Amino acid sequence: MRAVVQRVESAKVSVSDRSVSEIGKGAVVFLGIEEGDGKPDAQYLVDKIVHLRIFEDESGKMNLSLLDVDGEMLVVSQFTLLGDCRNGRRPSFTQAEKPGLARPLYDYFLSLMKMKVRVAVEGEFQAMMKVHLVNDGPVTMLLDSKKLF
């Protein structure tokens, strides 16, 4: 399971000009589910994300977590995070989990996040979304449940 975590001032998702969800200060998580991922992968990433110290303290140091700042969370499914671009010019998505298997794990990830964060909302699974965000910093972190990076 892969995640791109971006610290934001605000973010929102729309689908076909319809507003789906919106947050204030917090983080946007773009989540890609890989073939063979399971609940332990989701548990690892949720715990890692909510405790990542990516928010600044009073001294300007990144010393505070999403929980410390009572930040909000927007989770966006993004299978393209599993795109393999090493060969040729067209990404291969063979490592991305099939939607029917990915959806329950995505829902599980979101349910865990909702237990930890005061506001945790989502985009629309398997939809063509417009994600609008104000990146704060910018601060962007890459995470992989198998610790590949």
N, C-alpha and C. Protein backbone atom coordinates (compact mmCIF):
# COMPACT_ATOMS: atom_id res chain seq x y z
N MET A 1 0.87 -1.17 0.00
CA MET A 1 0.00 0.00 0.00
C MET A 1 0.90 1.22 0.00
N ARG A 2 0.55 2.17 -0.84
CA ARG A 2 1.35 3.38 -0.96
C ARG A 2 0.50 4.60 -0.66
N ALA A 3 1.17 5.60 -0.09
CA ALA A 3 0.48 6.84 0.22
C ALA A 3 1.39 8.02 -0.08
N VAL A 4 0.79 9.04 -0.65
CA VAL A 4 1.41 10.35 -0.76
C VAL A 4 0.64 11.23 0.21
N VAL A 5 1.36 11.80 1.17
CA VAL A 5 0.74 12.63 2.20
C VAL A 5 1.18 14.07 1.98
N GLN A 6 0.23 14.97 1.85
CA GLN A 6 0.54 16.37 1.66
C GLN A 6 -0.10 17.20 2.77
N ARG A 7 0.74 18.02 3.40
CA ARG A 7 0.23 18.95 4.41
C ARG A 7 -0.48 20.08 3.68
N VAL A 8 -1.71 20.39 4.11
CA VAL A 8 -2.50 21.39 3.40
C VAL A 8 -3.12 22.41 4.35
N GLU A 9 -3.38 23.58 3.79
CA GLU A 9 -4.19 24.59 4.48
C GLU A 9 -5.67 24.27 4.29
N SER A 10 -6.00 23.74 3.09
CA SER A 10 -7.37 23.33 2.78
C SER A 10 -7.34 22.45 1.55
N ALA A 11 -8.41 21.69 1.35
CA ALA A 11 -8.51 20.83 0.17
C ALA A 11 -9.97 20.47 -0.06
N LYS A 12 -10.28 20.18 -1.32
CA LYS A 12 -11.63 19.73 -1.63
C LYS A 12 -11.59 18.85 -2.87
N VAL A 13 -12.60 18.00 -2.98
CA VAL A 13 -12.73 17.08 -4.11
C VAL A 13 -14.08 17.32 -4.75
N SER A 14 -14.07 17.34 -6.09
CA SER A 14 -15.33 17.41 -6.82
C SER A 14 -15.32 16.35 -7.92
N VAL A 15 -16.51 15.91 -8.27
CA VAL A 15 -16.71 14.94 -9.34
C VAL A 15 -17.82 15.50 -10.22
N SER A 16 -17.51 15.70 -11.49
CA SER A 16 -18.49 16.26 -12.45
C SER A 16 -19.13 17.54 -11.91
N ASP A 17 -18.32 18.46 -11.44
CA ASP A 17 -18.77 19.75 -10.91
C ASP A 17 -19.63 19.63 -9.65
N ARG A 18 -19.65 18.46 -9.03
CA ARG A 18 -20.39 18.24 -7.78
C ARG A 18 -19.37 18.13 -6.65
N SER A 19 -19.53 18.95 -5.61
CA SER A 19 -18.63 18.90 -4.47
C SER A 19 -18.85 17.60 -3.70
N VAL A 20 -17.75 16.90 -3.43
CA VAL A 20 -17.82 15.61 -2.74
C VAL A 20 -17.40 15.74 -1.28
N SER A 21 -16.29 16.43 -1.04
CA SER A 21 -15.81 16.59 0.33
C SER A 21 -14.83 17.76 0.39
N GLU A 22 -14.62 18.23 1.64
CA GLU A 22 -13.77 19.40 1.84
C GLU A 22 -13.20 19.37 3.25
N ILE A 23 -11.94 19.82 3.38
CA ILE A 23 -11.32 19.93 4.71
C ILE A 23 -10.61 21.28 4.83
N GLY A 24 -10.31 21.62 6.08
CA GLY A 24 -9.47 22.77 6.39
C GLY A 24 -8.05 22.29 6.61
N LYS A 25 -7.36 22.89 7.57
CA LYS A 25 -5.97 22.54 7.86
C LYS A 25 -5.82 21.06 8.21
N GLY A 26 -4.85 20.43 7.57
CA GLY A 26 -4.62 19.02 7.85
C GLY A 26 -3.77 18.38 6.79
N ALA A 27 -4.24 17.22 6.29
CA ALA A 27 -3.46 16.47 5.31
C ALA A 27 -4.38 15.81 4.30
N VAL A 28 -3.87 15.74 3.07
CA VAL A 28 -4.50 14.95 2.01
C VAL A 28 -3.66 13.70 1.84
N VAL A 29 -4.32 12.56 1.81
CA VAL A 29 -3.65 11.29 1.59
C VAL A 29 -4.14 10.70 0.27
N PHE A 30 -3.24 10.57 -0.69
CA PHE A 30 -3.52 9.86 -1.92
C PHE A 30 -3.11 8.42 -1.66
N LEU A 31 -4.04 7.48 -1.77
CA LEU A 31 -3.81 6.09 -1.36
C LEU A 31 -3.90 5.13 -2.53
N GLY A 32 -2.85 4.35 -2.72
CA GLY A 32 -2.82 3.32 -3.75
C GLY A 32 -2.72 1.96 -3.10
N ILE A 33 -3.58 1.04 -3.52
CA ILE A 33 -3.60 -0.30 -2.94
C ILE A 33 -3.01 -1.28 -3.94
N GLU A 34 -2.02 -2.03 -3.45
CA GLU A 34 -1.28 -2.96 -4.29
C GLU A 34 -1.85 -4.37 -4.16
N GLU A 35 -1.73 -5.12 -5.22
CA GLU A 35 -2.15 -6.52 -5.20
C GLU A 35 -1.50 -7.22 -4.01
N GLY A 36 -2.31 -7.91 -3.22
CA GLY A 36 -1.78 -8.64 -2.07
C GLY A 36 -1.79 -7.85 -0.77
N ASP A 37 -2.11 -6.56 -0.81
CA ASP A 37 -2.18 -5.78 0.43
C ASP A 37 -3.32 -6.29 1.31
N GLY A 38 -3.17 -6.09 2.61
CA GLY A 38 -4.19 -6.53 3.55
C GLY A 38 -4.35 -5.54 4.69
N LYS A 39 -5.12 -5.94 5.68
CA LYS A 39 -5.40 -5.07 6.82
C LYS A 39 -4.13 -4.60 7.54
N PRO A 40 -3.10 -5.44 7.69
CA PRO A 40 -1.88 -4.95 8.35
C PRO A 40 -1.24 -3.76 7.61
N ASP A 41 -1.34 -3.75 6.29
CA ASP A 41 -0.80 -2.62 5.51
C ASP A 41 -1.57 -1.35 5.84
N ALA A 42 -2.89 -1.45 5.90
CA ALA A 42 -3.72 -0.30 6.23
C ALA A 42 -3.44 0.19 7.65
N GLN A 43 -3.34 -0.74 8.59
CA GLN A 43 -3.07 -0.38 9.98
C GLN A 43 -1.73 0.34 10.11
N TYR A 44 -0.72 -0.18 9.44
CA TYR A 44 0.61 0.43 9.48
C TYR A 44 0.56 1.86 8.97
N LEU A 45 -0.06 2.06 7.79
CA LEU A 45 -0.07 3.40 7.20
C LEU A 45 -0.91 4.38 8.01
N VAL A 46 -2.05 3.97 8.50
CA VAL A 46 -2.86 4.88 9.32
C VAL A 46 -2.07 5.33 10.53
N ASP A 47 -1.46 4.40 11.22
CA ASP A 47 -0.68 4.75 12.42
C ASP A 47 0.49 5.67 12.05
N LYS A 48 1.17 5.37 10.97
CA LYS A 48 2.30 6.18 10.54
C LYS A 48 1.85 7.60 10.17
N ILE A 49 0.76 7.70 9.42
CA ILE A 49 0.30 9.01 8.94
C ILE A 49 -0.15 9.90 10.08
N VAL A 50 -0.95 9.40 10.99
CA VAL A 50 -1.48 10.27 12.05
C VAL A 50 -0.40 10.70 13.03
N HIS A 51 0.70 9.96 13.08
CA HIS A 51 1.78 10.32 14.00
C HIS A 51 2.98 10.99 13.32
N LEU A 52 2.94 11.12 11.99
CA LEU A 52 4.04 11.80 11.29
C LEU A 52 4.16 13.24 11.79
N ARG A 53 5.33 13.63 12.15
CA ARG A 53 5.54 15.00 12.65
C ARG A 53 5.86 15.92 11.48
N ILE A 54 4.81 16.38 10.82
CA ILE A 54 4.97 17.22 9.62
C ILE A 54 4.39 18.62 9.80
N PHE A 55 3.93 18.92 11.01
CA PHE A 55 3.39 20.25 11.29
C PHE A 55 4.35 20.99 12.21
N GLU A 56 4.45 22.28 12.00
CA GLU A 56 5.42 23.08 12.75
C GLU A 56 4.95 23.42 14.15
N ASP A 57 5.91 23.41 15.08
CA ASP A 57 5.64 23.85 16.45
C ASP A 57 5.88 25.36 16.53
N GLU A 58 5.84 25.92 17.73
CA GLU A 58 6.01 27.37 17.91
C GLU A 58 7.40 27.85 17.51
N SER A 59 8.36 26.94 17.40
CA SER A 59 9.72 27.30 16.98
C SER A 59 9.93 27.14 15.47
N GLY A 60 8.90 26.74 14.76
CA GLY A 60 9.01 26.56 13.32
C GLY A 60 9.60 25.22 12.91
N LYS A 61 9.75 24.29 13.85
CA LYS A 61 10.28 22.95 13.56
C LYS A 61 9.12 22.00 13.28
N MET A 62 9.31 21.10 12.32
CA MET A 62 8.29 20.08 12.07
C MET A 62 8.37 19.07 13.22
N ASN A 63 7.56 19.32 14.22
CA ASN A 63 7.62 18.56 15.46
C ASN A 63 6.25 18.07 15.91
N LEU A 64 5.19 18.44 15.18
CA LEU A 64 3.83 18.10 15.60
C LEU A 64 3.15 17.20 14.58
N SER A 65 2.32 16.31 15.08
CA SER A 65 1.59 15.38 14.22
C SER A 65 0.20 15.93 13.90
N LEU A 66 -0.48 15.24 13.02
CA LEU A 66 -1.86 15.57 12.68
C LEU A 66 -2.73 15.56 13.94
N LEU A 67 -2.48 14.61 14.82
CA LEU A 67 -3.23 14.53 16.07
C LEU A 67 -2.93 15.72 16.97
N ASP A 68 -1.67 16.13 17.02
CA ASP A 68 -1.27 17.26 17.87
C ASP A 68 -1.95 18.56 17.46
N VAL A 69 -2.15 18.75 16.15
CA VAL A 69 -2.73 20.01 15.67
C VAL A 69 -4.23 19.89 15.43
N ASP A 70 -4.82 18.73 15.78
CA ASP A 70 -6.24 18.47 15.55
C ASP A 70 -6.59 18.71 14.09
N GLY A 71 -5.72 18.22 13.21
CA GLY A 71 -5.89 18.42 11.78
C GLY A 71 -6.94 17.52 11.17
N GLU A 72 -7.40 17.92 10.00
CA GLU A 72 -8.40 17.18 9.27
C GLU A 72 -7.73 16.34 8.18
N MET A 73 -8.45 15.32 7.69
CA MET A 73 -7.87 14.39 6.73
C MET A 73 -8.82 14.18 5.56
N LEU A 74 -8.24 14.23 4.36
CA LEU A 74 -8.97 13.89 3.14
C LEU A 74 -8.23 12.73 2.49
N VAL A 75 -8.93 11.61 2.28
CA VAL A 75 -8.34 10.42 1.68
C VAL A 75 -8.88 10.27 0.27
N VAL A 76 -7.95 10.15 -0.70
CA VAL A 76 -8.31 10.04 -2.10
C VAL A 76 -7.71 8.76 -2.66
N SER A 77 -8.55 7.87 -3.19
CA SER A 77 -8.02 6.65 -3.80
C SER A 77 -7.29 7.01 -5.09
N GLN A 78 -6.12 6.40 -5.29
CA GLN A 78 -5.33 6.72 -6.47
C GLN A 78 -4.49 5.51 -6.88
N PHE A 79 -5.09 4.66 -7.72
CA PHE A 79 -4.39 3.44 -8.15
C PHE A 79 -3.12 3.76 -8.94
N THR A 80 -3.03 4.95 -9.52
CA THR A 80 -1.86 5.29 -10.33
C THR A 80 -0.57 5.37 -9.51
N LEU A 81 -0.68 5.39 -8.19
CA LEU A 81 0.53 5.35 -7.35
C LEU A 81 1.28 4.04 -7.53
N LEU A 82 0.61 3.04 -8.08
CA LEU A 82 1.24 1.75 -8.32
C LEU A 82 1.74 1.63 -9.75
N GLY A 83 1.71 2.73 -10.49
CA GLY A 83 2.18 2.71 -11.88
C GLY A 83 3.68 2.44 -11.94
N ASP A 84 4.06 1.49 -12.76
CA ASP A 84 5.47 1.15 -12.96
C ASP A 84 5.93 1.80 -14.27
N CYS A 85 6.83 2.75 -14.16
CA CYS A 85 7.30 3.51 -15.32
C CYS A 85 8.72 3.15 -15.73
N ARG A 86 9.23 2.04 -15.23
CA ARG A 86 10.63 1.68 -15.51
C ARG A 86 10.86 1.26 -16.95
N ASN A 87 9.86 0.68 -17.59
CA ASN A 87 10.03 0.20 -18.97
C ASN A 87 9.10 0.96 -19.91
N GLY A 88 9.63 1.40 -21.00
CA GLY A 88 8.82 2.06 -22.01
C GLY A 88 8.33 3.42 -21.55
N ARG A 89 7.29 3.91 -22.21
CA ARG A 89 6.77 5.25 -21.92
C ARG A 89 5.37 5.24 -21.35
N ARG A 90 4.74 4.08 -21.36
CA ARG A 90 3.39 3.97 -20.82
C ARG A 90 3.45 3.23 -19.49
N PRO A 91 2.91 3.81 -18.42
CA PRO A 91 2.95 3.13 -17.12
C PRO A 91 2.19 1.81 -17.15
N SER A 92 2.69 0.85 -16.41
CA SER A 92 2.01 -0.43 -16.24
C SER A 92 1.36 -0.42 -14.85
N PHE A 93 0.12 -0.84 -14.80
CA PHE A 93 -0.60 -0.84 -13.53
C PHE A 93 -0.90 -2.26 -13.06
N THR A 94 -0.10 -3.22 -13.47
CA THR A 94 -0.37 -4.61 -13.13
C THR A 94 -0.25 -4.89 -11.63
N GLN A 95 0.46 -4.05 -10.89
CA GLN A 95 0.61 -4.26 -9.46
C GLN A 95 -0.53 -3.65 -8.64
N ALA A 96 -1.37 -2.84 -9.28
CA ALA A 96 -2.50 -2.24 -8.57
C ALA A 96 -3.57 -3.30 -8.34
N GLU A 97 -4.16 -3.27 -7.16
CA GLU A 97 -5.21 -4.24 -6.83
C GLU A 97 -6.45 -3.97 -7.67
N LYS A 98 -7.18 -5.03 -7.99
CA LYS A 98 -8.44 -4.89 -8.73
C LYS A 98 -9.45 -4.14 -7.88
N PRO A 99 -10.27 -3.29 -8.50
CA PRO A 99 -11.21 -2.45 -7.74
C PRO A 99 -12.08 -3.22 -6.75
N GLY A 100 -12.57 -4.38 -7.14
CA GLY A 100 -13.43 -5.16 -6.25
C GLY A 100 -12.74 -5.63 -4.98
N LEU A 101 -11.44 -5.82 -5.05
CA LEU A 101 -10.66 -6.22 -3.87
C LEU A 101 -10.09 -5.01 -3.14
N ALA A 102 -9.82 -3.94 -3.90
CA ALA A 102 -9.25 -2.74 -3.30
C ALA A 102 -10.28 -1.98 -2.46
N ARG A 103 -11.53 -1.95 -2.91
CA ARG A 103 -12.55 -1.14 -2.24
C ARG A 103 -12.72 -1.50 -0.76
N PRO A 104 -12.86 -2.77 -0.40
CA PRO A 104 -13.00 -3.09 1.03
C PRO A 104 -11.80 -2.65 1.86
N LEU A 105 -10.61 -2.75 1.29
CA LEU A 105 -9.41 -2.35 2.02
C LEU A 105 -9.33 -0.83 2.14
N TYR A 106 -9.74 -0.13 1.11
CA TYR A 106 -9.84 1.34 1.15
C TYR A 106 -10.84 1.76 2.23
N ASP A 107 -11.99 1.10 2.28
CA ASP A 107 -13.01 1.40 3.30
C ASP A 107 -12.47 1.12 4.70
N TYR A 108 -11.71 0.04 4.84
CA TYR A 108 -11.11 -0.30 6.12
C TYR A 108 -10.12 0.78 6.55
N PHE A 109 -9.26 1.20 5.63
CA PHE A 109 -8.31 2.28 5.91
C PHE A 109 -9.06 3.52 6.40
N LEU A 110 -10.10 3.88 5.70
CA LEU A 110 -10.88 5.07 6.05
C LEU A 110 -11.55 4.91 7.42
N SER A 111 -12.07 3.72 7.71
CA SER A 111 -12.71 3.50 9.02
C SER A 111 -11.70 3.64 10.15
N LEU A 112 -10.48 3.15 9.94
CA LEU A 112 -9.42 3.32 10.95
C LEU A 112 -9.08 4.79 11.14
N MET A 113 -8.99 5.51 10.03
CA MET A 113 -8.66 6.93 10.09
C MET A 113 -9.75 7.70 10.84
N LYS A 114 -10.99 7.35 10.60
CA LYS A 114 -12.11 8.03 11.27
C LYS A 114 -12.10 7.81 12.78
N MET A 115 -11.51 6.70 13.21
CA MET A 115 -11.40 6.45 14.66
C MET A 115 -10.31 7.29 15.30
N LYS A 116 -9.36 7.77 14.50
CA LYS A 116 -8.21 8.49 15.04
C LYS A 116 -8.30 10.00 14.86
N VAL A 117 -8.92 10.44 13.77
CA VAL A 117 -8.92 11.85 13.40
C VAL A 117 -10.34 12.40 13.51
N ARG A 118 -10.45 13.59 14.06
CA ARG A 118 -11.77 14.22 14.27
C ARG A 118 -12.55 14.35 12.97
N VAL A 119 -11.91 14.79 11.90
CA VAL A 119 -12.54 14.91 10.60
C VAL A 119 -11.74 14.09 9.60
N ALA A 120 -12.35 13.06 9.06
CA ALA A 120 -11.73 12.23 8.02
C ALA A 120 -12.78 12.00 6.94
N VAL A 121 -12.53 12.57 5.78
CA VAL A 121 -13.48 12.46 4.67
C VAL A 121 -12.75 11.83 3.48
N GLU A 122 -13.52 11.51 2.44
CA GLU A 122 -12.93 10.83 1.30
C GLU A 122 -13.37 11.44 -0.01
N GLY A 123 -12.62 11.08 -1.04
CA GLY A 123 -13.03 11.40 -2.39
C GLY A 123 -14.08 10.39 -2.80
N GLU A 124 -14.18 10.11 -4.09
CA GLU A 124 -15.13 9.12 -4.57
C GLU A 124 -14.36 8.00 -5.24
N PHE A 125 -14.44 6.82 -4.65
CA PHE A 125 -13.67 5.67 -5.14
C PHE A 125 -13.98 5.41 -6.61
N GLN A 126 -12.94 5.22 -7.40
CA GLN A 126 -13.00 4.84 -8.81
C GLN A 126 -13.68 5.91 -9.69
N ALA A 127 -13.67 7.16 -9.23
CA ALA A 127 -14.25 8.24 -10.02
C ALA A 127 -13.13 9.12 -10.57
N MET A 128 -13.43 9.84 -11.62
CA MET A 128 -12.52 10.85 -12.15
C MET A 128 -12.75 12.10 -11.31
N MET A 129 -11.79 12.42 -10.45
CA MET A 129 -11.96 13.50 -9.47
C MET A 129 -11.11 14.70 -9.83
N LYS A 130 -11.57 15.85 -9.38
CA LYS A 130 -10.77 17.07 -9.39
C LYS A 130 -10.42 17.33 -7.93
N VAL A 131 -9.13 17.34 -7.64
CA VAL A 131 -8.67 17.58 -6.27
C VAL A 131 -8.03 18.96 -6.25
N HIS A 132 -8.60 19.82 -5.44
CA HIS A 132 -8.08 21.18 -5.28
C HIS A 132 -7.48 21.25 -3.88
N LEU A 133 -6.22 21.68 -3.82
CA LEU A 133 -5.61 21.78 -2.49
C LEU A 133 -4.65 22.96 -2.44
N VAL A 134 -4.50 23.47 -1.23
CA VAL A 134 -3.51 24.50 -0.97
C VAL A 134 -2.43 23.81 -0.14
N ASN A 135 -1.35 23.43 -0.81
CA ASN A 135 -0.26 22.72 -0.16
C ASN A 135 0.46 23.70 0.76
N ASP A 136 0.68 23.29 1.99
CA ASP A 136 1.29 24.13 3.01
C ASP A 136 2.76 23.76 3.14
N GLY A 137 3.63 24.57 2.64
CA GLY A 137 5.07 24.32 2.76
C GLY A 137 5.82 24.56 1.48
N PRO A 138 5.73 23.74 0.50
CA PRO A 138 4.98 22.47 0.46
C PRO A 138 5.66 21.38 1.28
N VAL A 139 4.83 20.54 1.86
CA VAL A 139 5.31 19.37 2.58
C VAL A 139 4.62 18.16 1.96
N THR A 140 5.42 17.25 1.40
CA THR A 140 4.90 16.05 0.75
C THR A 140 5.76 14.86 1.17
N MET A 141 5.12 13.81 1.67
CA MET A 141 5.82 12.62 2.13
C MET A 141 5.33 11.41 1.35
N LEU A 142 6.25 10.50 1.05
CA LEU A 142 5.93 9.25 0.36
C LEU A 142 6.06 8.12 1.36
N LEU A 143 5.03 7.28 1.44
CA LEU A 143 5.04 6.15 2.37
C LEU A 143 4.68 4.87 1.63
N ASP A 144 5.24 3.78 2.07
CA ASP A 144 4.94 2.47 1.51
C ASP A 144 4.86 1.48 2.66
N SER A 145 3.77 0.72 2.72
CA SER A 145 3.59 -0.20 3.86
C SER A 145 4.64 -1.31 3.86
N LYS A 146 5.26 -1.56 2.73
CA LYS A 146 6.32 -2.57 2.68
C LYS A 146 7.69 -1.95 2.88
N LYS A 147 7.69 -0.66 3.19
CA LYS A 147 8.89 0.10 3.51
C LYS A 147 9.92 0.06 2.38
N LEU A 148 9.41 0.17 1.14
CA LEU A 148 10.31 0.20 -0.02
C LEU A 148 11.00 1.55 -0.14
N PHE A 149 10.40 2.57 0.45
CA PHE A 149 11.01 3.90 0.48
C PHE A 149 10.50 4.63 1.68
